[in-house]
Every structure is written in structure tokens, then in C-alpha cells.
Protein backbone atom coordinates (compact mmCIF):
# COMPACT_ATOMS: atom_id res chain seq x y z
CA MET A 1 36.70 84.37 123.81
CA MET A 2 33.09 84.64 123.08
CA SER A 3 30.90 81.62 122.74
CA ASP A 4 28.93 83.11 119.81
CA LEU A 5 32.00 83.06 117.86
CA LEU A 6 32.73 79.28 118.53
CA THR A 7 30.88 76.14 118.49
CA ASP A 8 28.84 75.63 121.66
CA LEU A 9 29.86 72.52 123.56
CA LEU A 10 26.97 72.98 126.26
CA THR A 11 23.92 74.86 125.93
CA VAL A 12 21.37 75.26 128.75
CA LYS A 13 18.05 77.05 127.84
CA ASP A 14 15.12 77.91 129.88
CA LEU A 15 16.24 75.64 132.72
CA THR A 16 13.92 75.54 135.98
CA ALA A 17 14.73 73.22 138.84
CA GLY A 18 14.12 73.10 142.52
CA TYR A 19 13.88 70.74 145.48
CA GLY A 20 10.17 69.86 146.76
CA GLN A 21 7.88 72.92 146.42
CA ALA A 22 11.08 75.19 146.69
CA GLY A 23 12.07 76.76 143.24
CA VAL A 24 15.62 77.41 142.47
CA LEU A 25 16.22 77.86 139.02
CA ARG A 26 13.88 80.27 137.19
CA GLY A 27 14.45 79.82 133.44
CA ILE A 28 18.25 80.02 133.34
CA SER A 29 20.00 80.10 130.07
CA MET A 30 23.79 79.90 129.39
CA SER A 31 26.36 78.31 127.14
CA VAL A 32 30.01 77.10 126.81
CA ALA A 33 31.93 77.12 123.69
CA GLU A 34 34.67 74.54 122.74
CA ASN A 35 37.94 75.68 124.26
CA GLU A 36 36.30 78.11 126.55
CA ALA A 37 36.39 78.74 130.30
CA VAL A 38 33.29 80.13 131.76
CA GLY A 39 32.74 81.37 135.38
CA LEU A 40 29.66 81.45 137.44
CA LEU A 41 29.56 84.25 140.11
CA GLY A 42 27.09 85.10 142.74
CA PRO A 43 25.98 84.76 146.53
CA ASN A 44 25.50 81.38 148.15
CA GLY A 45 22.09 80.04 147.70
CA HIS A 46 21.26 81.58 144.52
CA GLY A 47 21.29 78.45 142.30
CA LYS A 48 24.93 77.96 141.15
CA THR A 49 25.51 74.44 142.37
CA THR A 50 21.89 73.31 141.30
CA LEU A 51 22.68 74.48 137.83
CA LEU A 52 25.86 72.40 137.77
CA ARG A 53 24.02 69.38 139.33
CA CYS A 54 21.44 69.55 136.44
CA VAL A 55 23.98 69.92 133.78
CA SER A 56 25.85 66.87 135.02
CA GLY A 57 22.84 64.71 135.49
CA VAL A 58 22.98 64.44 139.28
CA HIS A 59 19.54 66.56 139.64
CA ARG A 60 16.60 66.39 137.23
CA PRO A 61 15.29 69.99 136.23
CA SER A 62 11.52 70.69 136.02
CA SER A 63 11.62 72.00 132.72
CA GLY A 64 13.99 73.49 130.03
CA THR A 65 16.84 71.93 127.84
CA ILE A 66 20.42 70.84 128.39
CA ALA A 67 22.41 70.04 125.25
CA PHE A 68 25.99 68.53 125.41
CA ALA A 69 28.18 68.01 122.36
CA CYS A 70 24.92 68.68 120.35
CA ARG A 71 23.12 65.99 122.13
CA ASP A 72 20.00 66.34 124.57
CA THR A 73 21.07 65.14 127.83
CA ARG A 74 17.58 64.31 129.15
CA GLY A 75 17.37 60.65 130.37
CA ARG A 76 21.24 60.43 130.63
CA SER A 77 22.74 59.16 133.81
CA PRO A 78 25.74 61.04 135.24
CA ARG A 79 27.92 57.90 134.46
CA ASP A 80 26.90 57.97 130.96
CA LEU A 81 27.49 61.72 130.67
CA VAL A 82 31.17 61.21 132.36
CA ARG A 83 31.73 58.66 129.50
CA ARG A 84 30.80 61.14 126.94
CA GLY A 85 33.10 63.82 128.26
CA LEU A 86 31.11 65.79 130.96
CA VAL A 87 32.89 65.39 134.20
CA HIS A 88 31.81 67.25 137.57
CA VAL A 89 34.19 67.77 140.43
CA PRO A 90 31.82 68.65 143.20
CA GLN A 91 32.22 70.86 146.04
CA GLY A 92 34.32 69.27 148.75
CA SER A 93 36.72 66.37 148.10
CA ARG A 94 34.99 62.84 147.77
CA LEU A 95 37.50 60.46 147.90
CA PHE A 96 37.76 56.68 149.11
CA PRO A 97 40.26 57.17 152.31
CA GLN A 98 41.39 53.61 152.15
CA LEU A 99 42.88 53.90 148.66
CA SER A 100 46.19 55.19 147.72
CA VAL A 101 46.44 58.24 145.40
CA GLU A 102 47.37 56.15 142.45
CA GLU A 103 44.58 53.67 143.25
CA ALA A 104 41.99 56.39 143.43
CA LEU A 105 43.21 57.60 140.06
CA ARG A 106 43.21 54.38 138.32
CA LEU A 107 39.49 53.61 139.93
CA SER A 108 38.50 56.98 138.24
CA ALA A 109 39.91 55.79 134.81
CA ALA A 110 38.15 52.41 134.88
CA SER A 111 34.90 53.83 135.90
CA SER A 112 35.00 56.41 132.89
CA GLY A 113 35.81 53.65 130.25
CA HIS A 114 39.68 54.51 130.21
CA ALA A 115 41.09 51.53 131.93
CA ARG A 116 43.28 50.42 129.01
CA ASP A 117 45.14 53.84 128.92
CA TRP A 118 45.37 54.68 132.60
CA ARG A 119 49.05 55.04 132.64
CA ASP A 120 48.75 57.88 130.08
CA GLY A 121 46.11 59.27 132.20
CA ILE A 122 48.29 59.13 135.39
CA ASP A 123 51.14 60.68 133.68
CA GLN A 124 49.20 63.58 132.67
CA VAL A 125 47.64 63.99 136.10
CA PHE A 126 51.07 63.88 137.60
CA SER A 127 52.50 66.72 135.32
CA VAL A 128 49.51 69.10 136.34
CA PHE A 129 49.83 67.99 140.11
CA PRO A 130 53.40 67.02 140.92
CA ARG A 131 52.70 66.87 144.57
CA LEU A 132 50.12 64.01 143.65
CA LYS A 133 53.28 62.17 142.24
CA GLU A 134 55.07 62.56 145.55
CA ARG A 135 51.99 61.20 147.39
CA ARG A 136 51.18 58.32 144.99
CA ARG A 137 51.44 55.74 147.33
CA GLN A 138 49.78 57.57 150.18
CA LEU A 139 46.17 56.78 151.49
CA THR A 140 43.74 59.56 150.38
CA GLY A 141 42.28 59.90 153.79
CA THR A 142 45.77 60.96 155.13
CA LEU A 143 46.21 63.87 152.63
CA SER A 144 46.09 67.42 153.68
CA GLY A 145 43.13 69.51 152.58
CA GLY A 146 44.65 70.93 149.56
CA GLU A 147 46.07 67.61 148.39
CA ARG A 148 42.87 65.92 148.76
CA GLN A 149 41.21 68.53 146.39
CA MET A 150 44.26 67.87 143.98
CA ALA A 151 43.31 64.47 144.09
CA SER A 152 39.72 64.95 143.28
CA LEU A 153 40.76 67.21 140.34
CA GLY A 154 43.24 64.60 139.27
CA MET A 155 40.19 62.08 139.26
CA GLY A 156 38.59 64.32 137.15
CA LEU A 157 41.21 64.51 134.67
CA MET A 158 41.59 60.56 134.52
CA ALA A 159 38.07 60.66 133.07
CA ARG A 160 39.54 62.59 130.00
CA PRO A 161 36.82 65.33 130.01
CA THR A 162 35.83 67.75 127.29
CA LEU A 163 34.08 69.55 129.72
CA LEU A 164 35.06 69.76 133.39
CA ILE A 165 32.98 71.52 136.15
CA LEU A 166 34.70 72.59 139.06
CA ASP A 167 32.46 73.73 141.81
CA GLU A 168 34.20 75.52 144.70
CA PRO A 169 37.72 73.85 144.28
CA THR A 170 39.50 76.35 146.73
CA LEU A 171 36.71 76.31 149.50
CA GLY A 172 38.08 76.27 152.97
CA LEU A 173 41.72 76.34 151.92
CA SER A 174 44.51 78.70 153.16
CA PRO A 175 45.74 81.57 151.15
CA LYS A 176 48.94 79.75 150.28
CA VAL A 177 47.31 76.41 149.56
CA LYS A 178 44.71 78.27 147.25
CA HIS A 179 47.39 80.03 145.40
CA GLU A 180 49.05 76.60 144.62
CA LEU A 181 45.89 75.26 143.39
CA SER A 182 45.09 77.94 141.32
CA GLU A 183 48.44 77.26 139.57
CA CYS A 184 47.32 73.85 139.03
CA ILE A 185 44.02 74.90 137.55
CA VAL A 186 45.82 77.02 134.89
CA ARG A 187 47.64 73.81 133.96
CA VAL A 188 44.30 72.09 133.95
CA ARG A 189 43.12 74.66 131.48
CA ALA A 190 45.87 73.44 129.07
CA GLU A 191 44.68 69.72 129.25
CA VAL A 192 40.99 70.31 129.00
CA SER A 193 38.71 71.84 126.14
CA SER A 194 36.25 73.52 128.30
CA ILE A 195 35.63 74.25 132.00
CA ILE A 196 33.01 75.90 134.13
CA LEU A 197 34.30 77.15 137.37
CA VAL A 198 32.52 78.28 140.27
CA ASP A 199 34.42 79.71 143.22
CA GLY A 200 33.89 82.09 145.97
CA ASP A 201 37.32 83.89 145.39
CA MET A 202 36.10 86.37 142.58
CA GLU A 203 39.54 87.44 141.52
CA LEU A 204 40.46 83.61 140.94
CA VAL A 205 37.39 83.30 138.61
CA LEU A 206 37.84 86.45 136.65
CA THR A 207 41.58 85.53 136.19
CA LEU A 208 41.25 81.86 135.11
CA THR A 209 37.97 82.21 132.79
CA ASP A 210 37.34 83.90 129.31
CA ARG A 211 33.64 84.95 130.32
CA TYR A 212 31.60 85.00 133.36
CA HIS A 213 27.92 84.96 134.39
CA VAL A 214 26.43 86.47 137.55
CA VAL A 215 23.56 84.08 138.96
CA LEU A 216 21.05 85.71 141.14
CA HIS A 217 17.58 84.21 142.37
CA GLY A 218 18.22 81.21 140.03
CA ASP A 219 18.81 83.31 136.66
CA VAL A 220 21.61 85.05 134.88
CA VAL A 221 21.53 88.72 135.62
CA HIS A 222 24.66 89.82 134.01
CA SER A 223 27.29 88.61 131.64
CA ASP A 224 30.63 89.92 130.61
CA VAL A 225 34.03 89.18 129.38
CA SER A 226 36.19 88.14 132.32
CA ASP A 227 38.57 90.79 133.62
CA SER A 228 40.91 90.34 136.32
CA THR A 229 41.27 94.13 137.17
CA ARG A 230 37.79 94.52 138.25
CA SER A 231 37.58 95.58 142.04
CA ARG A 232 36.02 93.32 144.50
CA ASP A 233 33.93 96.44 145.55
CA GLU A 234 32.71 96.62 141.88
CA MET A 235 31.66 93.10 141.90
CA MET A 236 29.97 93.03 145.26
CA SER A 237 28.01 96.19 144.13
CA LEU A 238 26.81 94.09 141.25
CA PHE A 239 25.84 91.21 143.58
CA LEU A 240 24.07 93.11 146.17
CA GLY A 241 22.40 95.57 143.82
CA GLY A 242 20.87 92.61 141.93
CA ALA A 243 19.91 91.09 145.07
CA ALA A 244 18.39 94.00 146.43
CA ASP A 245 16.44 94.59 143.07
CA GLY A 246 14.87 91.29 143.27
CA ARG A 247 15.75 90.70 139.50
CA HIS A 248 15.18 87.20 137.97
């Protein structure tokens, strides 16, 4: 599913960004079409998370443009973007430990402008994450690592996204829990128009997305249609070769 054949939901063009005097993004461009899942691959520290933070309004870029649903996002707060359908689930579960799972989900619905239809939202979340239905009365601070990640993703779904950004959803999880969560992400795809997925598990990204970009030195150095049959050695050669070349 290639974005040039569809309507772009998100367009990033010539984006630069950094922290203080340290430049991170160096004129990066990419797009996500409606009804498309796009993966971002590459070594840690090369700009993937900074790109996601710029897209979701958490970090202000130095230059370049970001358009979501054909509207410039400059000057838009993260909350405003969430209410327009751009939802970012950042790396690491960020929950309110004294709230129950159901209370956390209701809070997400209220803060994103969907308080009136929270029941429909919770039914949707529980269909995607049956484990959360079992834990609905349990405090989020007492959940296991995998369950906390499910709750974070569930809160993202409660905001009714048209673009859902997932940054390292399986980080730190055991292989068994990672497999369970990946099956949940497959169900998330059926509920959300478009997704950006960043994860250290290359096979997972290539399996769950339509296209992928390799990000090195703050820029996209390679893009292709996702293919889960690619070998890890082939992908690592691409990463390490680009890093050694110093391409931007």
C-alpha cells in the first residue's frame, strides 16, 4: 500500500530539529497515507523519537513543515492535535498508578473530547485487549509490564485516533508477552486509519506495516515496501552500512 497512490494523512517535509546546539533531524521528509501503516527503523539515537515528538507537537522543530489532514500543525498544542485525531503513545507506559484501568481509559476519553461516548470506546478497547477487561478494576500501578503497555495503547484508542503513533511498544517485554502484544497491535490496525510504528524488533515492524523508512543521522536513507521475509542480517547490513557511510 503505497502513499503516492492514496491521500496523504500526514506530510513531513524538510524537517530539522534538535536540542540546544545539538542537531538531530537534518531535513527529513516522509508521509503517511490514509489507511496505511508506516514503520521507522534505524539505530537508537538517530532521530526517530525526535521525529515523532515533532509530529505530535511535543517538540518544536527548527524548520520545515508538518501537515496533518491537510492542515499545518505549526503552533498547535499536543492536546489540540489529539482532539483532531493525531495520538502519540510514547516510549514507556505513562499511567496514573492510583487509577484503575477503567478510570484511566475514561480519563483519556474525557481529555480528548470523547467523554460522552466513553462506553463505546471502552467496549472497543476491551475487544482489542481482552486482558484489560479482566483487569478493569485493578490499579494501573499494579499491572505487569505487558499489561501496562496494553493500558497505554488502550488509552490511545480511547482518543479515537485517525493517526496513531507507537514508539517502542514492545520495549523491555519478554518474548512471550511481546508476541501477545503484537497480536493486539494487529487488532489495533483494524480500528485505526493510519499508524506509525517504531520498534527495535525489525521483524515485528516489517510484519505489521505496509512501508518502512530507515532513519540514519536524522534523515531517511532508505524506503521500501515492508517485507517480513527480509533477514535480520540484511537489515543490519543496511543500518550499519549507512552509519559507516555517514549518509544524511
